[in-house]
Amino acid sequence: MNNTIALTMSRMRLVMRNRAFLFFSLIMPMAYLIIAVEVFVRGNAAMVSYVLASVLALTVMGTLWGMSLQLVMFREQGILRRFRLAPVGAGAMLLSSILANYMLTIPTVLIQFIFARWVFHLKDWGNLWGVFVILTLGIAAFGALGLIIASVTNSMQETQLINNAVWFALLFLSGATAPLPIMPGWVQNIALFLPGTYVVMGLERVMISKASVWTLGPHVIALVACGLIAFFLSKQIFRWDPDDKISRKAKLWAVSCLIPFLLVGGYEWKFGNLKHEATVDLQSLERSAMQDHAPQQ
């Protein structure tokens, strides 16, 4: 445990020396918050919560980028090789990566909340305990997915290529950039099988409807199962040295970390009401806007 804590502090110091970290972890999420509020709020103060949920989800999903690129960069630069001489086990190294990522993401989330409250007059904080749980599970799950990508790719270019493909799907098909209920039906069905959807909709439920964590079974199950499977697999195929190669079979095993979302998505598509809940949340905000603008008798 001491090794993990020491590695976590070391990882945080290494990341904070990178100027790109400041841009991608703070400046870009804040810029998107401002743009999203200007596009979607349009005088309806209640919509600030809806927009903030999407921005927080993007912040969480962005950890996939950070984790994968950092680990590949450390491997290419020989930093991981030096850690191995400590000696440090793969489990401690990967766990410290997730913990460092978590500690660096939470301040950004707090800044986004405060900014939304002071600048955009956020009316209601929602169920803060629920927000904390979904954020924690989301950061851990997407961090573990980032570890998987870093483990199966051999270069920074290959990592960026996979990240771009995954990010495109998460960005446009999970409800993070546009409300899912207004999307075509086939897009909504695809979204049920994507990890980002359960972060976006989970945050919407706890922030808008103040839903209890106990009512978010699909969201919690999918994120927890994905995080555990991805962490276990990344530990098995972790590489310290850029010269180490990974087999094609191991790459196929890495894809199995998405099985929880396939199972939960299949259940939701056939029996669930996740899409209905998303529609209800959006309609409640639209009714609130109509009431705010209704003429006083």
Protein backbone atom coordinates (compact mmCIF):
# COMPACT_ATOMS: atom_id res chain seq x y z
CA MET A 1 0.00 0.00 0.00
CA ASN A 2 2.88 2.36 0.77
CA ASN A 3 4.25 1.76 -2.72
CA THR A 4 0.88 2.64 -4.22
CA ILE A 5 0.64 5.90 -2.27
CA ALA A 6 4.19 6.90 -3.16
CA LEU A 7 3.59 6.06 -6.81
CA THR A 8 0.34 8.06 -6.79
CA MET A 9 2.12 11.19 -5.55
CA SER A 10 4.92 10.67 -8.07
CA ARG A 11 2.43 10.24 -10.93
CA MET A 12 0.62 13.43 -9.93
CA ARG A 13 3.85 15.42 -9.97
CA LEU A 14 4.82 14.05 -13.37
CA VAL A 15 1.44 14.86 -14.90
CA MET A 16 1.23 18.38 -13.49
CA ARG A 17 4.54 19.25 -15.15
CA ASN A 18 2.86 18.70 -18.52
CA ARG A 19 1.26 21.88 -19.86
CA ALA A 20 -1.11 19.82 -21.99
CA PHE A 21 -2.64 18.54 -18.76
CA LEU A 22 -3.84 22.03 -17.83
CA PHE A 23 -5.43 22.53 -21.24
CA PHE A 24 -7.24 19.18 -21.55
CA SER A 25 -8.23 18.79 -17.89
CA LEU A 26 -9.35 22.34 -17.08
CA ILE A 27 -9.41 24.85 -19.94
CA MET A 28 -11.16 22.64 -22.50
CA PRO A 29 -13.94 21.40 -20.13
CA MET A 30 -14.60 24.97 -18.96
CA ALA A 31 -14.75 26.20 -22.56
CA TYR A 32 -17.27 23.48 -23.41
CA LEU A 33 -19.36 24.40 -20.36
CA ILE A 34 -19.59 28.02 -21.52
CA ILE A 35 -20.44 27.02 -25.11
CA ALA A 36 -23.02 24.43 -24.05
CA VAL A 37 -24.78 26.87 -21.75
CA GLU A 38 -24.97 29.46 -24.53
CA VAL A 39 -26.40 26.89 -26.97
CA PHE A 40 -28.86 24.95 -24.82
CA VAL A 41 -29.91 27.09 -21.85
CA ARG A 42 -31.41 30.12 -23.66
CA GLY A 43 -32.93 31.74 -20.60
CA ASN A 44 -34.07 28.50 -18.94
CA ALA A 45 -32.04 28.44 -15.73
CA ALA A 46 -33.21 24.89 -14.98
CA MET A 47 -31.30 23.67 -18.07
CA VAL A 48 -27.99 24.58 -16.41
CA SER A 49 -28.16 21.33 -14.41
CA TYR A 50 -28.75 19.35 -17.60
CA VAL A 51 -25.81 20.96 -19.37
CA LEU A 52 -23.56 20.61 -16.33
CA ALA A 53 -24.32 16.87 -16.19
CA SER A 54 -23.12 16.49 -19.79
CA VAL A 55 -19.98 18.55 -19.14
CA LEU A 56 -19.14 16.52 -16.05
CA ALA A 57 -19.63 13.33 -18.09
CA LEU A 58 -17.22 14.62 -20.74
CA THR A 59 -14.70 15.42 -18.01
CA VAL A 60 -15.02 11.85 -16.74
CA MET A 61 -14.75 10.31 -20.21
CA GLY A 62 -11.72 12.46 -20.94
CA THR A 63 -9.80 10.45 -18.35
CA LEU A 64 -9.61 7.67 -20.95
CA TRP A 65 -7.48 9.97 -23.11
CA GLY A 66 -5.27 11.06 -20.25
CA MET A 67 -4.63 7.60 -18.84
CA SER A 68 -3.81 5.93 -22.15
CA LEU A 69 -1.56 8.70 -23.50
CA GLN A 70 0.32 9.16 -20.23
CA LEU A 71 1.08 5.48 -19.82
CA VAL A 72 2.22 5.04 -23.43
CA MET A 73 4.37 8.18 -23.18
CA PHE A 74 5.96 6.92 -19.94
CA ARG A 75 6.66 3.56 -21.60
CA GLU A 76 8.21 5.12 -24.71
CA GLN A 77 10.38 7.47 -22.62
CA GLY A 78 11.62 4.63 -20.43
CA ILE A 79 10.00 6.03 -17.27
CA LEU A 80 8.11 2.79 -16.60
CA ARG A 81 11.35 0.83 -16.87
CA ARG A 82 12.84 2.96 -14.08
CA PHE A 83 9.75 2.40 -11.91
CA ARG A 84 10.13 -1.34 -12.42
CA LEU A 85 13.65 -1.23 -10.97
CA ALA A 86 12.16 0.03 -7.67
CA PRO A 87 10.82 -2.81 -7.76
CA VAL A 88 7.12 -2.06 -8.22
CA GLY A 89 4.45 -4.54 -9.24
CA ALA A 90 2.10 -3.95 -12.17
CA GLY A 91 -0.91 -3.85 -9.84
CA ALA A 92 0.52 -1.03 -7.72
CA MET A 93 1.57 0.88 -10.83
CA LEU A 94 -1.86 0.69 -12.44
CA LEU A 95 -3.77 1.41 -9.24
CA SER A 96 -1.60 4.46 -8.60
CA SER A 97 -2.40 5.67 -12.12
CA ILE A 98 -6.13 5.51 -11.44
CA LEU A 99 -5.79 7.16 -8.01
CA ALA A 100 -3.62 9.97 -9.38
CA ASN A 101 -6.08 10.51 -12.21
CA TYR A 102 -8.95 10.65 -9.71
CA MET A 103 -7.19 13.14 -7.45
CA LEU A 104 -6.46 15.40 -10.42
CA THR A 105 -9.99 15.19 -11.90
CA ILE A 106 -12.02 15.98 -8.78
CA PRO A 107 -10.72 19.60 -8.49
CA THR A 108 -11.84 20.23 -12.08
CA VAL A 109 -15.30 18.92 -11.19
CA LEU A 110 -15.49 21.23 -8.16
CA ILE A 111 -14.45 24.23 -10.28
CA GLN A 112 -17.15 23.38 -12.82
CA PHE A 113 -19.81 23.21 -10.09
CA ILE A 114 -18.72 26.52 -8.56
CA PHE A 115 -18.52 28.21 -11.97
CA ALA A 116 -22.01 26.97 -12.90
CA ARG A 117 -23.37 28.26 -9.59
CA TRP A 118 -21.76 31.71 -9.56
CA VAL A 119 -21.77 32.55 -13.26
CA PHE A 120 -24.75 30.65 -14.67
CA HIS A 121 -26.88 30.67 -11.49
CA LEU A 122 -27.26 26.93 -11.06
CA LYS A 123 -30.50 26.57 -9.09
CA ASP A 124 -30.10 23.15 -7.53
CA TRP A 125 -27.11 20.98 -6.68
CA GLY A 126 -29.15 17.81 -7.08
CA ASN A 127 -28.32 14.65 -5.15
CA LEU A 128 -24.67 15.36 -4.37
CA TRP A 129 -24.05 11.92 -2.93
CA GLY A 130 -25.34 10.40 -6.16
CA VAL A 131 -23.15 12.78 -8.18
CA PHE A 132 -20.11 11.72 -6.15
CA VAL A 133 -20.82 8.01 -6.63
CA ILE A 134 -21.40 8.23 -10.41
CA LEU A 135 -18.33 10.45 -10.86
CA THR A 136 -16.14 8.11 -8.81
CA LEU A 137 -17.31 4.99 -10.62
CA GLY A 138 -17.05 6.74 -13.99
CA ILE A 139 -13.51 8.00 -13.41
CA ALA A 140 -12.40 4.55 -12.23
CA ALA A 141 -14.08 2.74 -15.15
CA PHE A 142 -12.82 5.08 -17.86
CA GLY A 143 -9.39 5.20 -16.26
CA ALA A 144 -9.27 1.39 -16.40
CA LEU A 145 -10.39 1.49 -20.05
CA GLY A 146 -7.53 3.91 -20.71
CA LEU A 147 -5.15 1.39 -19.16
CA ILE A 148 -6.48 -1.27 -21.52
CA ILE A 149 -5.86 0.94 -24.56
CA ALA A 150 -2.34 1.74 -23.34
CA SER A 151 -1.65 -1.95 -22.85
CA VAL A 152 -2.70 -3.08 -26.34
CA THR A 153 -1.16 -0.24 -28.37
CA ASN A 154 2.50 -0.10 -29.35
CA SER A 155 3.01 3.60 -30.08
CA MET A 156 1.64 7.06 -29.36
CA GLN A 157 0.26 7.29 -32.91
CA GLU A 158 -1.64 4.02 -32.55
CA THR A 159 -2.98 5.12 -29.16
CA GLN A 160 -4.23 8.42 -30.56
CA LEU A 161 -5.92 6.63 -33.46
CA ILE A 162 -7.87 4.34 -31.14
CA ASN A 163 -8.64 7.20 -28.76
CA ASN A 164 -10.05 9.29 -31.60
CA ALA A 165 -12.34 6.46 -32.74
CA VAL A 166 -13.58 5.76 -29.21
CA TRP A 167 -13.94 9.45 -28.38
CA PHE A 168 -15.98 10.12 -31.53
CA ALA A 169 -18.48 7.41 -30.54
CA LEU A 170 -18.68 8.61 -26.94
CA LEU A 171 -19.02 12.24 -27.98
CA PHE A 172 -21.84 11.93 -30.49
CA LEU A 173 -23.68 8.73 -29.57
CA SER A 174 -23.92 8.80 -25.77
CA GLY A 175 -25.91 11.99 -25.23
CA ALA A 176 -22.91 13.98 -24.05
CA THR A 177 -23.07 16.73 -26.69
CA ALA A 178 -26.79 16.69 -27.53
CA PRO A 179 -29.75 15.42 -25.47
CA LEU A 180 -30.28 11.75 -26.25
CA PRO A 181 -34.12 12.00 -26.38
CA ILE A 182 -33.93 14.30 -29.42
CA MET A 183 -31.69 11.89 -31.33
CA PRO A 184 -33.05 9.33 -33.85
CA GLY A 185 -34.27 6.05 -32.39
CA TRP A 186 -31.39 4.03 -33.84
CA VAL A 187 -28.87 6.35 -32.17
CA GLN A 188 -30.65 5.91 -28.83
CA ASN A 189 -30.49 2.13 -29.22
CA ILE A 190 -26.75 2.22 -29.98
CA ALA A 191 -26.22 4.49 -26.98
CA LEU A 192 -27.54 1.77 -24.66
CA PHE A 193 -24.40 -0.26 -25.38
CA LEU A 194 -21.86 2.55 -24.83
CA PRO A 195 -20.13 3.17 -21.47
CA GLY A 196 -20.47 6.94 -21.73
CA THR A 197 -24.26 6.73 -21.77
CA TYR A 198 -24.38 5.36 -18.23
CA VAL A 199 -22.26 8.22 -16.95
CA VAL A 200 -24.29 10.88 -18.82
CA MET A 201 -27.69 9.53 -17.86
CA GLY A 202 -26.61 8.63 -14.35
CA LEU A 203 -25.52 12.22 -13.72
CA GLU A 204 -28.71 13.56 -15.31
CA ARG A 205 -30.83 11.39 -13.02
CA VAL A 206 -29.08 12.41 -9.79
CA MET A 207 -28.78 16.10 -10.71
CA ILE A 208 -32.22 16.71 -12.24
CA SER A 209 -34.53 14.15 -10.60
CA LYS A 210 -32.41 13.79 -7.46
CA ALA A 211 -32.60 10.03 -7.99
CA SER A 212 -31.17 7.77 -5.32
CA VAL A 213 -28.08 5.75 -6.13
CA TRP A 214 -30.11 2.62 -5.31
CA THR A 215 -32.41 3.35 -8.28
CA LEU A 216 -29.47 3.49 -10.70
CA GLY A 217 -28.84 -0.25 -10.86
CA PRO A 218 -27.87 -0.50 -14.55
CA HIS A 219 -25.51 2.47 -14.32
CA VAL A 220 -23.73 1.23 -11.20
CA ILE A 221 -23.52 -2.42 -12.30
CA ALA A 222 -22.14 -1.58 -15.74
CA LEU A 223 -19.51 0.87 -14.46
CA VAL A 224 -18.34 -1.29 -11.55
CA ALA A 225 -18.13 -4.48 -13.63
CA CYS A 226 -16.33 -2.71 -16.49
CA GLY A 227 -13.82 -1.08 -14.13
CA LEU A 228 -12.99 -4.36 -12.36
CA ILE A 229 -12.66 -6.39 -15.55
CA ALA A 230 -10.60 -3.72 -17.33
CA PHE A 231 -8.26 -3.32 -14.35
CA PHE A 232 -7.75 -7.10 -14.05
CA LEU A 233 -7.06 -7.50 -17.76
CA SER A 234 -4.73 -4.49 -17.94
CA LYS A 235 -2.75 -5.97 -15.06
CA GLN A 236 -2.34 -9.23 -16.97
CA ILE A 237 -1.14 -7.62 -20.22
CA PHE A 238 0.75 -4.66 -18.76
CA ARG A 239 4.09 -3.92 -20.44
CA TRP A 240 6.97 -2.03 -18.84
CA ASP A 241 9.17 -1.87 -21.92
CA PRO A 242 8.29 -0.60 -25.43
CA ASP A 243 10.14 -3.58 -26.91
CA ASP A 244 7.73 -6.01 -25.27
CA LYS A 245 5.02 -7.19 -27.65
CA ILE A 246 1.48 -8.29 -26.99
CA SER A 247 -0.21 -11.21 -28.68
CA ARG A 248 -3.33 -10.93 -30.81
CA LYS A 249 -5.13 -13.24 -28.40
CA ALA A 250 -4.43 -10.85 -25.52
CA LYS A 251 -5.86 -7.99 -27.56
CA LEU A 252 -9.05 -9.98 -28.08
CA TRP A 253 -9.28 -10.64 -24.36
CA ALA A 254 -8.98 -6.90 -23.74
CA VAL A 255 -12.24 -6.31 -25.63
CA SER A 256 -14.08 -8.41 -23.02
CA CYS A 257 -14.06 -5.43 -20.65
CA LEU A 258 -17.01 -4.11 -22.69
CA ILE A 259 -19.14 -7.21 -21.99
CA PRO A 260 -20.93 -5.56 -19.01
CA PHE A 261 -22.19 -2.78 -21.28
CA LEU A 262 -23.29 -5.28 -23.91
CA LEU A 263 -25.27 -7.24 -21.30
CA VAL A 264 -26.79 -4.21 -19.59
CA GLY A 265 -27.45 -2.56 -22.95
CA GLY A 266 -29.23 -5.67 -24.20
CA TYR A 267 -31.39 -5.75 -21.09
CA GLU A 268 -32.23 -2.06 -21.35
CA TRP A 269 -33.05 -2.37 -25.06
CA LYS A 270 -35.45 -5.25 -24.38
CA PHE A 271 -36.91 -4.57 -20.95
CA GLY A 272 -35.50 -1.35 -19.47
CA ASN A 273 -36.84 2.18 -19.26
CA LEU A 274 -33.59 4.14 -19.39
CA LYS A 275 -34.60 5.97 -22.59
CA HIS A 276 -37.97 6.81 -21.07
CA GLU A 277 -36.33 8.25 -17.93
CA ALA A 278 -34.07 10.43 -20.09
CA THR A 279 -37.13 11.75 -21.95
CA VAL A 280 -38.98 12.45 -18.70
CA ASP A 281 -36.02 14.41 -17.30
CA LEU A 282 -35.76 16.58 -20.43
CA GLN A 283 -39.52 17.19 -20.56
CA SER A 284 -39.55 18.27 -16.93
CA LEU A 285 -36.98 20.95 -17.73
CA GLU A 286 -38.98 22.10 -20.76
CA ARG A 287 -42.12 22.41 -18.62
CA SER A 288 -40.13 24.40 -16.08
CA ALA A 289 -39.08 26.80 -18.83
CA MET A 290 -42.69 27.22 -19.99
CA GLN A 291 -43.81 28.00 -16.45
CA ASP A 292 -41.04 30.54 -15.96
CA HIS A 293 -42.03 32.37 -19.16
CA ALA A 294 -45.79 32.08 -18.70
CA PRO A 295 -47.52 35.48 -18.30
CA GLN A 296 -48.52 36.33 -14.77
CA GLN A 297 -52.24 36.62 -14.12
